[in-house]
Amino acid sequence: MKKNTIFYCLLFFFLFGIGKLLFSKEECHQKIVCLNSFILLERMPEFSKVQKELEKLSKNHENILAKLAKEFHKKAEKFQKNRNPILKKELEILQYRAQAYQKNAADDLSKKQNKLLDPIYKKIEKAINIVMEKDKTIVRVDDCSPGKGVLVNKGIDITEDVKKELGF
């Protein structure tokens, strides 16, 4: 009885091992690859236009904030000389306006950045999909740009293939 149990256990492990090898062959041919999106973004002509437009918008917001800060400092100097409660209230209101504007400016800049970069990312995604269609074994593409969180990727880097699809 013990010999039969041992035999069946060995047979089970043997068949399980062979079955695992047979069914996992497809997994062996699947690839996880990486791509450096930063390199692609830098090379895209649209990206420099986006950068210039965002810098212009940022500069505009900075100028407005600088004017608010200058006005705040002038009123603060007057308040230091004359402890007028009306000036104190004006300072509080001005400080609140500056904080609200700073938040609105950051939101505006973020929305504009997303709006301008979205078509570029879609173009890159389309090129990635074309590369994946050519190589059906690719199951996942990691972004291995600096700061993206992928520290080590032993997969193939398809950045060059995507660059070719994008035409550069």
N, C-alpha and C. Protein backbone atom coordinates (compact mmCIF):
# COMPACT_ATOMS: atom_id res chain seq x y z
N MET A 1 0.82 -1.19 0.00
CA MET A 1 0.00 0.00 0.00
C MET A 1 0.87 1.26 0.00
N LYS A 2 1.93 1.27 0.82
CA LYS A 2 2.82 2.42 0.88
C LYS A 2 3.53 2.61 -0.45
N LYS A 3 3.92 1.51 -1.10
CA LYS A 3 4.63 1.61 -2.37
C LYS A 3 3.73 2.22 -3.43
N ASN A 4 2.44 1.84 -3.41
CA ASN A 4 1.50 2.41 -4.39
C ASN A 4 1.32 3.91 -4.16
N THR A 5 1.22 4.33 -2.93
CA THR A 5 1.06 5.74 -2.60
C THR A 5 2.28 6.52 -3.06
N ILE A 6 3.45 6.00 -2.78
CA ILE A 6 4.69 6.66 -3.19
C ILE A 6 4.75 6.71 -4.72
N PHE A 7 4.39 5.61 -5.36
CA PHE A 7 4.40 5.55 -6.83
C PHE A 7 3.46 6.60 -7.42
N TYR A 8 2.24 6.69 -6.88
CA TYR A 8 1.27 7.67 -7.39
C TYR A 8 1.72 9.11 -7.13
N CYS A 9 2.33 9.31 -5.99
CA CYS A 9 2.85 10.66 -5.70
C CYS A 9 3.94 11.03 -6.69
N LEU A 10 4.86 10.10 -6.94
CA LEU A 10 5.94 10.36 -7.90
C LEU A 10 5.37 10.57 -9.30
N LEU A 11 4.40 9.74 -9.66
CA LEU A 11 3.76 9.87 -10.97
C LEU A 11 3.07 11.24 -11.09
N PHE A 12 2.39 11.66 -10.04
CA PHE A 12 1.72 12.96 -10.04
C PHE A 12 2.72 14.10 -10.24
N PHE A 13 3.82 14.08 -9.47
CA PHE A 13 4.82 15.14 -9.58
C PHE A 13 5.49 15.12 -10.95
N PHE A 14 5.72 13.94 -11.48
CA PHE A 14 6.34 13.81 -12.79
C PHE A 14 5.41 14.39 -13.86
N LEU A 15 4.14 14.01 -13.83
CA LEU A 15 3.18 14.50 -14.81
C LEU A 15 2.93 16.01 -14.64
N PHE A 16 2.88 16.43 -13.39
CA PHE A 16 2.67 17.85 -13.13
C PHE A 16 3.84 18.66 -13.68
N GLY A 17 5.05 18.16 -13.50
CA GLY A 17 6.24 18.84 -14.01
C GLY A 17 6.25 18.89 -15.52
N ILE A 18 5.91 17.80 -16.19
CA ILE A 18 5.86 17.78 -17.65
C ILE A 18 4.74 18.68 -18.15
N GLY A 19 3.59 18.61 -17.50
CA GLY A 19 2.46 19.46 -17.89
C GLY A 19 2.81 20.93 -17.78
N LYS A 20 3.49 21.27 -16.72
CA LYS A 20 3.89 22.67 -16.53
C LYS A 20 4.83 23.10 -17.65
N LEU A 21 5.76 22.24 -18.02
CA LEU A 21 6.67 22.56 -19.12
C LEU A 21 5.93 22.70 -20.43
N LEU A 22 4.99 21.81 -20.69
CA LEU A 22 4.24 21.84 -21.94
C LEU A 22 3.37 23.09 -22.05
N PHE A 23 2.71 23.44 -20.95
CA PHE A 23 1.78 24.56 -20.99
C PHE A 23 2.46 25.91 -20.81
N SER A 24 3.67 25.93 -20.32
CA SER A 24 4.35 27.20 -20.10
C SER A 24 5.25 27.58 -21.26
N LYS A 25 5.26 26.79 -22.34
CA LYS A 25 6.09 27.14 -23.49
C LYS A 25 5.71 28.49 -24.05
N GLU A 26 4.42 28.78 -24.11
CA GLU A 26 3.98 30.05 -24.66
C GLU A 26 4.49 31.21 -23.81
N GLU A 27 4.52 31.03 -22.50
CA GLU A 27 5.02 32.08 -21.61
C GLU A 27 6.48 32.38 -21.89
N CYS A 28 7.26 31.38 -22.25
CA CYS A 28 8.68 31.57 -22.50
C CYS A 28 8.91 32.47 -23.70
N HIS A 29 7.96 32.49 -24.63
CA HIS A 29 8.12 33.29 -25.82
C HIS A 29 7.55 34.70 -25.67
N GLN A 30 6.94 34.98 -24.54
CA GLN A 30 6.40 36.31 -24.31
C GLN A 30 7.49 37.19 -23.71
N LYS A 31 7.50 38.45 -24.14
CA LYS A 31 8.56 39.35 -23.71
C LYS A 31 7.99 40.57 -23.00
N ILE A 32 8.73 40.99 -22.00
CA ILE A 32 8.50 42.29 -21.37
C ILE A 32 9.66 43.15 -21.84
N VAL A 33 9.34 44.27 -22.46
CA VAL A 33 10.38 45.12 -23.02
C VAL A 33 10.33 46.49 -22.35
N CYS A 34 11.32 47.30 -22.65
CA CYS A 34 11.34 48.65 -22.07
C CYS A 34 11.49 49.67 -23.17
N LEU A 35 11.22 50.90 -22.80
CA LEU A 35 11.24 52.01 -23.74
C LEU A 35 11.58 53.26 -22.95
N ASN A 36 12.43 54.10 -23.50
CA ASN A 36 12.79 55.35 -22.84
C ASN A 36 11.96 56.47 -23.46
N SER A 37 10.84 56.79 -22.84
CA SER A 37 9.93 57.80 -23.41
C SER A 37 10.55 59.19 -23.39
N PHE A 38 11.48 59.44 -22.48
CA PHE A 38 12.12 60.74 -22.41
C PHE A 38 12.90 61.02 -23.69
N ILE A 39 13.61 60.01 -24.19
CA ILE A 39 14.36 60.17 -25.44
C ILE A 39 13.41 60.47 -26.59
N LEU A 40 12.27 59.76 -26.61
CA LEU A 40 11.30 59.98 -27.68
C LEU A 40 10.72 61.40 -27.61
N LEU A 41 10.35 61.83 -26.40
CA LEU A 41 9.77 63.17 -26.23
C LEU A 41 10.75 64.26 -26.69
N GLU A 42 12.01 64.11 -26.30
CA GLU A 42 13.03 65.10 -26.67
C GLU A 42 13.15 65.26 -28.18
N ARG A 43 13.01 64.16 -28.90
CA ARG A 43 13.21 64.16 -30.34
C ARG A 43 12.00 64.64 -31.13
N MET A 44 10.85 64.71 -30.51
CA MET A 44 9.63 65.08 -31.23
C MET A 44 9.60 66.59 -31.43
N PRO A 45 9.40 67.05 -32.67
CA PRO A 45 9.39 68.50 -32.93
C PRO A 45 8.27 69.21 -32.18
N GLU A 46 7.16 68.52 -31.95
CA GLU A 46 6.03 69.12 -31.24
C GLU A 46 6.39 69.44 -29.79
N PHE A 47 7.32 68.68 -29.23
CA PHE A 47 7.66 68.83 -27.82
C PHE A 47 8.31 70.20 -27.55
N SER A 48 9.17 70.66 -28.44
CA SER A 48 9.82 71.97 -28.22
C SER A 48 8.77 73.08 -28.27
N LYS A 49 7.77 72.93 -29.13
CA LYS A 49 6.69 73.91 -29.19
C LYS A 49 5.90 73.91 -27.88
N VAL A 50 5.64 72.73 -27.36
CA VAL A 50 4.92 72.60 -26.09
C VAL A 50 5.72 73.26 -24.97
N GLN A 51 7.02 72.99 -24.93
CA GLN A 51 7.87 73.59 -23.89
C GLN A 51 7.82 75.12 -23.96
N LYS A 52 7.92 75.67 -25.17
CA LYS A 52 7.90 77.13 -25.32
C LYS A 52 6.57 77.71 -24.85
N GLU A 53 5.48 77.04 -25.22
CA GLU A 53 4.16 77.55 -24.83
C GLU A 53 3.97 77.47 -23.31
N LEU A 54 4.45 76.38 -22.70
CA LEU A 54 4.33 76.25 -21.25
C LEU A 54 5.21 77.25 -20.52
N GLU A 55 6.40 77.52 -21.06
CA GLU A 55 7.29 78.52 -20.46
C GLU A 55 6.66 79.90 -20.53
N LYS A 56 6.02 80.21 -21.65
CA LYS A 56 5.35 81.50 -21.82
C LYS A 56 4.22 81.66 -20.80
N LEU A 57 3.41 80.62 -20.67
CA LEU A 57 2.30 80.66 -19.71
C LEU A 57 2.84 80.77 -18.28
N SER A 58 3.88 80.02 -17.98
CA SER A 58 4.48 80.06 -16.64
C SER A 58 5.03 81.45 -16.33
N LYS A 59 5.70 82.04 -17.31
CA LYS A 59 6.26 83.38 -17.13
C LYS A 59 5.15 84.40 -16.87
N ASN A 60 4.04 84.27 -17.59
CA ASN A 60 2.89 85.16 -17.39
C ASN A 60 2.36 85.06 -15.96
N HIS A 61 2.20 83.83 -15.48
CA HIS A 61 1.73 83.62 -14.10
C HIS A 61 2.74 84.17 -13.08
N GLU A 62 4.02 83.98 -13.35
CA GLU A 62 5.06 84.49 -12.45
C GLU A 62 5.01 86.01 -12.37
N ASN A 63 4.80 86.67 -13.51
CA ASN A 63 4.72 88.14 -13.52
C ASN A 63 3.54 88.64 -12.70
N ILE A 64 2.40 87.99 -12.84
CA ILE A 64 1.23 88.39 -12.07
C ILE A 64 1.47 88.18 -10.57
N LEU A 65 2.07 87.05 -10.22
CA LEU A 65 2.39 86.79 -8.81
C LEU A 65 3.40 87.80 -8.28
N ALA A 66 4.35 88.19 -9.11
CA ALA A 66 5.35 89.18 -8.69
C ALA A 66 4.67 90.53 -8.41
N LYS A 67 3.71 90.90 -9.24
CA LYS A 67 2.96 92.15 -9.01
C LYS A 67 2.18 92.09 -7.70
N LEU A 68 1.55 90.94 -7.45
CA LEU A 68 0.81 90.78 -6.19
C LEU A 68 1.77 90.85 -4.99
N ALA A 69 2.94 90.25 -5.12
CA ALA A 69 3.92 90.27 -4.03
C ALA A 69 4.42 91.69 -3.79
N LYS A 70 4.66 92.43 -4.88
CA LYS A 70 5.13 93.80 -4.75
C LYS A 70 4.07 94.66 -4.04
N GLU A 71 2.82 94.49 -4.44
CA GLU A 71 1.72 95.24 -3.81
C GLU A 71 1.62 94.87 -2.33
N PHE A 72 1.80 93.58 -2.03
CA PHE A 72 1.73 93.12 -0.65
C PHE A 72 2.84 93.77 0.19
N HIS A 73 4.06 93.82 -0.35
CA HIS A 73 5.18 94.41 0.39
C HIS A 73 4.99 95.91 0.63
N LYS A 74 4.44 96.60 -0.34
CA LYS A 74 4.17 98.04 -0.16
C LYS A 74 3.17 98.25 0.98
N LYS A 75 2.09 97.46 0.97
CA LYS A 75 1.08 97.60 2.03
C LYS A 75 1.65 97.17 3.38
N ALA A 76 2.52 96.15 3.36
CA ALA A 76 3.13 95.69 4.62
C ALA A 76 4.01 96.78 5.22
N GLU A 77 4.75 97.51 4.36
CA GLU A 77 5.57 98.62 4.86
C GLU A 77 4.70 99.72 5.46
N LYS A 78 3.59 100.04 4.78
CA LYS A 78 2.66 101.06 5.31
C LYS A 78 2.10 100.60 6.65
N PHE A 79 1.77 99.31 6.73
CA PHE A 79 1.20 98.77 7.97
C PHE A 79 2.22 98.83 9.10
N GLN A 80 3.50 98.61 8.80
CA GLN A 80 4.55 98.67 9.83
C GLN A 80 4.65 100.09 10.41
N LYS A 81 4.48 101.08 9.56
CA LYS A 81 4.55 102.48 10.01
C LYS A 81 3.27 102.90 10.72
N ASN A 82 2.16 102.46 10.20
CA ASN A 82 0.87 102.88 10.72
C ASN A 82 0.03 101.62 10.96
N ARG A 83 -0.16 101.21 12.15
CA ARG A 83 -0.88 99.97 12.51
C ARG A 83 -2.39 100.13 12.30
N ASN A 84 -2.75 100.49 11.11
CA ASN A 84 -4.15 100.72 10.76
C ASN A 84 -4.85 99.37 10.56
N PRO A 85 -5.98 99.13 11.23
CA PRO A 85 -6.71 97.86 11.06
C PRO A 85 -7.23 97.64 9.64
N ILE A 86 -7.50 98.73 8.94
CA ILE A 86 -7.97 98.60 7.55
C ILE A 86 -6.85 98.04 6.68
N LEU A 87 -5.62 98.54 6.91
CA LEU A 87 -4.47 98.03 6.17
C LEU A 87 -4.22 96.55 6.48
N LYS A 88 -4.43 96.18 7.75
CA LYS A 88 -4.24 94.78 8.14
C LYS A 88 -5.22 93.89 7.37
N LYS A 89 -6.47 94.34 7.27
CA LYS A 89 -7.49 93.58 6.54
C LYS A 89 -7.13 93.49 5.06
N GLU A 90 -6.64 94.60 4.49
CA GLU A 90 -6.22 94.60 3.09
C GLU A 90 -5.06 93.63 2.85
N LEU A 91 -4.14 93.58 3.81
CA LEU A 91 -3.02 92.63 3.71
C LEU A 91 -3.51 91.18 3.71
N GLU A 92 -4.46 90.90 4.58
CA GLU A 92 -5.01 89.54 4.65
C GLU A 92 -5.70 89.17 3.34
N ILE A 93 -6.46 90.11 2.80
CA ILE A 93 -7.17 89.87 1.54
C ILE A 93 -6.17 89.67 0.40
N LEU A 94 -5.13 90.50 0.39
CA LEU A 94 -4.11 90.40 -0.65
C LEU A 94 -3.36 89.07 -0.56
N GLN A 95 -3.08 88.67 0.66
CA GLN A 95 -2.39 87.39 0.86
C GLN A 95 -3.29 86.23 0.37
N TYR A 96 -4.56 86.30 0.68
CA TYR A 96 -5.50 85.28 0.23
C TYR A 96 -5.58 85.25 -1.30
N ARG A 97 -5.66 86.45 -1.92
CA ARG A 97 -5.70 86.52 -3.39
C ARG A 97 -4.46 85.90 -4.02
N ALA A 98 -3.30 86.19 -3.43
CA ALA A 98 -2.05 85.65 -3.97
C ALA A 98 -2.02 84.12 -3.86
N GLN A 99 -2.45 83.59 -2.72
CA GLN A 99 -2.49 82.14 -2.54
C GLN A 99 -3.48 81.49 -3.51
N ALA A 100 -4.65 82.10 -3.67
CA ALA A 100 -5.67 81.56 -4.58
C ALA A 100 -5.15 81.61 -6.02
N TYR A 101 -4.50 82.72 -6.38
CA TYR A 101 -3.98 82.83 -7.74
C TYR A 101 -2.88 81.80 -7.98
N GLN A 102 -2.05 81.59 -6.98
CA GLN A 102 -0.96 80.61 -7.13
C GLN A 102 -1.53 79.22 -7.38
N LYS A 103 -2.58 78.87 -6.66
CA LYS A 103 -3.21 77.56 -6.86
C LYS A 103 -3.85 77.47 -8.24
N ASN A 104 -4.57 78.52 -8.63
CA ASN A 104 -5.20 78.55 -9.95
C ASN A 104 -4.16 78.48 -11.08
N ALA A 105 -3.05 79.19 -10.87
CA ALA A 105 -1.98 79.18 -11.89
C ALA A 105 -1.38 77.78 -12.03
N ALA A 106 -1.17 77.11 -10.91
CA ALA A 106 -0.62 75.74 -10.96
C ALA A 106 -1.60 74.79 -11.66
N ASP A 107 -2.89 74.93 -11.33
CA ASP A 107 -3.91 74.11 -11.99
C ASP A 107 -3.97 74.40 -13.49
N ASP A 108 -3.93 75.68 -13.84
CA ASP A 108 -3.98 76.09 -15.24
C ASP A 108 -2.79 75.52 -16.02
N LEU A 109 -1.62 75.62 -15.42
CA LEU A 109 -0.40 75.11 -16.05
C LEU A 109 -0.48 73.60 -16.24
N SER A 110 -0.97 72.91 -15.23
CA SER A 110 -1.10 71.46 -15.31
C SER A 110 -2.10 71.04 -16.40
N LYS A 111 -3.23 71.72 -16.45
CA LYS A 111 -4.24 71.41 -17.48
C LYS A 111 -3.69 71.67 -18.88
N LYS A 112 -3.01 72.79 -19.03
CA LYS A 112 -2.44 73.15 -20.33
C LYS A 112 -1.38 72.12 -20.75
N GLN A 113 -0.56 71.70 -19.79
CA GLN A 113 0.48 70.71 -20.07
C GLN A 113 -0.16 69.40 -20.54
N ASN A 114 -1.19 68.95 -19.83
CA ASN A 114 -1.88 67.72 -20.23
C ASN A 114 -2.50 67.85 -21.61
N LYS A 115 -3.12 69.00 -21.86
CA LYS A 115 -3.77 69.23 -23.16
C LYS A 115 -2.75 69.22 -24.30
N LEU A 116 -1.61 69.84 -24.08
CA LEU A 116 -0.60 69.93 -25.13
C LEU A 116 0.18 68.62 -25.33
N LEU A 117 0.41 67.89 -24.23
CA LEU A 117 1.20 66.66 -24.33
C LEU A 117 0.37 65.45 -24.76
N ASP A 118 -0.94 65.51 -24.55
CA ASP A 118 -1.79 64.36 -24.88
C ASP A 118 -1.63 63.89 -26.33
N PRO A 119 -1.66 64.78 -27.34
CA PRO A 119 -1.48 64.30 -28.72
C PRO A 119 -0.10 63.66 -28.95
N ILE A 120 0.90 64.18 -28.27
CA ILE A 120 2.25 63.62 -28.42
C ILE A 120 2.29 62.21 -27.84
N TYR A 121 1.71 62.04 -26.65
CA TYR A 121 1.69 60.71 -26.03
C TYR A 121 0.87 59.73 -26.87
N LYS A 122 -0.21 60.21 -27.47
CA LYS A 122 -1.02 59.33 -28.34
C LYS A 122 -0.21 58.90 -29.56
N LYS A 123 0.57 59.80 -30.10
CA LYS A 123 1.42 59.48 -31.26
C LYS A 123 2.46 58.43 -30.87
N ILE A 124 3.06 58.59 -29.71
CA ILE A 124 4.05 57.61 -29.23
C ILE A 124 3.36 56.27 -28.98
N GLU A 125 2.19 56.30 -28.37
CA GLU A 125 1.45 55.06 -28.10
C GLU A 125 1.11 54.33 -29.40
N LYS A 126 0.73 55.08 -30.41
CA LYS A 126 0.42 54.47 -31.71
C LYS A 126 1.65 53.78 -32.28
N ALA A 127 2.80 54.42 -32.19
CA ALA A 127 4.04 53.83 -32.69
C ALA A 127 4.41 52.58 -31.88
N ILE A 128 4.19 52.62 -30.57
CA ILE A 128 4.46 51.44 -29.73
C ILE A 128 3.56 50.28 -30.16
N ASN A 129 2.29 50.59 -30.40
CA ASN A 129 1.35 49.54 -30.83
C ASN A 129 1.77 48.93 -32.17
N ILE A 130 2.30 49.74 -33.08
CA ILE A 130 2.77 49.23 -34.36
C ILE A 130 3.95 48.27 -34.14
N VAL A 131 4.88 48.68 -33.27
CA VAL A 131 6.02 47.81 -32.95
C VAL A 131 5.53 46.52 -32.32
N MET A 132 4.55 46.60 -31.43
CA MET A 132 4.01 45.40 -30.78
C MET A 132 3.28 44.50 -31.78
N GLU A 133 2.64 45.10 -32.78
CA GLU A 133 1.98 44.31 -33.82
C GLU A 133 3.02 43.54 -34.65
N LYS A 134 4.16 44.18 -34.90
CA LYS A 134 5.22 43.51 -35.66
C LYS A 134 5.84 42.36 -34.88
N ASP A 135 5.96 42.54 -33.56
CA ASP A 135 6.53 41.50 -32.70
C ASP A 135 5.45 41.07 -31.72
N LYS A 136 4.73 40.03 -32.09
CA LYS A 136 3.56 39.55 -31.31
C LYS A 136 3.96 38.98 -29.95
N THR A 137 5.24 38.76 -29.71
CA THR A 137 5.65 38.16 -28.43
C THR A 137 5.73 39.20 -27.32
N ILE A 138 5.67 40.48 -27.66
CA ILE A 138 5.72 41.53 -26.64
C ILE A 138 4.38 41.58 -25.93
N VAL A 139 4.41 41.41 -24.60
CA VAL A 139 3.17 41.45 -23.81
C VAL A 139 3.10 42.68 -22.92
N ARG A 140 4.23 43.33 -22.69
CA ARG A 140 4.22 44.52 -21.83
C ARG A 140 5.40 45.41 -22.17
N VAL A 141 5.16 46.72 -22.11
CA VAL A 141 6.22 47.70 -22.35
C VAL A 141 6.35 48.55 -21.09
N ASP A 142 7.53 48.52 -20.49
CA ASP A 142 7.82 49.37 -19.32
C ASP A 142 8.51 50.63 -19.79
N ASP A 143 8.25 51.74 -19.11
CA ASP A 143 8.94 52.98 -19.40
C ASP A 143 10.16 53.03 -18.49
N CYS A 144 11.34 52.96 -19.09
CA CYS A 144 12.57 52.95 -18.29
C CYS A 144 13.28 54.30 -18.35
N SER A 145 12.52 55.38 -18.53
CA SER A 145 13.08 56.72 -18.49
C SER A 145 13.53 57.01 -17.06
N PRO A 146 14.53 57.88 -16.90
CA PRO A 146 14.96 58.22 -15.54
C PRO A 146 13.80 58.76 -14.71
N GLY A 147 13.66 58.25 -13.50
CA GLY A 147 12.62 58.71 -12.59
C GLY A 147 11.29 58.03 -12.76
N LYS A 148 11.18 57.06 -13.64
CA LYS A 148 9.90 56.39 -13.88
C LYS A 148 9.70 55.18 -12.97
N GLY A 149 10.67 54.81 -12.19
CA GLY A 149 10.48 53.73 -11.23
C GLY A 149 11.04 52.39 -11.67
N VAL A 150 11.38 52.21 -12.95
CA VAL A 150 11.96 50.95 -13.39
C VAL A 150 13.47 51.07 -13.22
N LEU A 151 14.00 50.37 -12.23
CA LEU A 151 15.43 50.47 -11.96
C LEU A 151 16.24 49.51 -12.82
N VAL A 152 15.73 48.31 -12.99
CA VAL A 152 16.42 47.30 -13.79
C VAL A 152 15.39 46.63 -14.68
N ASN A 153 15.72 46.52 -15.94
CA ASN A 153 14.84 45.81 -16.87
C ASN A 153 15.74 44.96 -17.75
N LYS A 154 15.59 43.66 -17.65
CA LYS A 154 16.40 42.76 -18.46
C LYS A 154 15.74 42.48 -19.80
N GLY A 155 14.60 43.13 -20.03
CA GLY A 155 13.91 42.97 -21.30
C GLY A 155 14.60 43.78 -22.38
N ILE A 156 14.17 43.55 -23.59
CA ILE A 156 14.73 44.24 -24.75
C ILE A 156 14.26 45.70 -24.74
N ASP A 157 15.14 46.61 -25.13
CA ASP A 157 14.79 48.02 -25.23
C ASP A 157 14.30 48.29 -26.66
N ILE A 158 13.04 48.69 -26.81
CA ILE A 158 12.47 48.92 -28.14
C ILE A 158 12.42 50.40 -28.51
N THR A 159 13.16 51.23 -27.79
CA THR A 159 13.16 52.66 -28.06
C THR A 159 13.53 52.94 -29.52
N GLU A 160 14.56 52.27 -30.02
CA GLU A 160 15.00 52.50 -31.40
C GLU A 160 13.92 52.11 -32.40
N ASP A 161 13.21 51.01 -32.15
CA ASP A 161 12.15 50.59 -33.06
C ASP A 161 11.02 51.62 -33.09
N VAL A 162 10.68 52.15 -31.92
CA VAL A 162 9.61 53.16 -31.85
C VAL A 162 10.08 54.46 -32.52
N LYS A 163 11.36 54.80 -32.35
CA LYS A 163 11.89 55.99 -33.02
C LYS A 163 11.75 55.85 -34.53
N LYS A 164 12.02 54.66 -35.05
CA LYS A 164 11.86 54.42 -36.50
C LYS A 164 10.41 54.60 -36.92
N GLU A 165 9.47 54.11 -36.10
CA GLU A 165 8.05 54.26 -36.43
C GLU A 165 7.63 55.73 -36.40
N LEU A 166 8.26 56.50 -35.54
CA LEU A 166 7.95 57.92 -35.45
C LEU A 166 8.66 58.73 -36.53
N GLY A 167 9.58 58.09 -37.23
CA GLY A 167 10.27 58.75 -38.34
C GLY A 167 11.53 59.48 -37.98
N PHE A 168 12.17 59.12 -36.88
CA PHE A 168 13.46 59.74 -36.56
C PHE A 168 14.39 58.73 -35.95
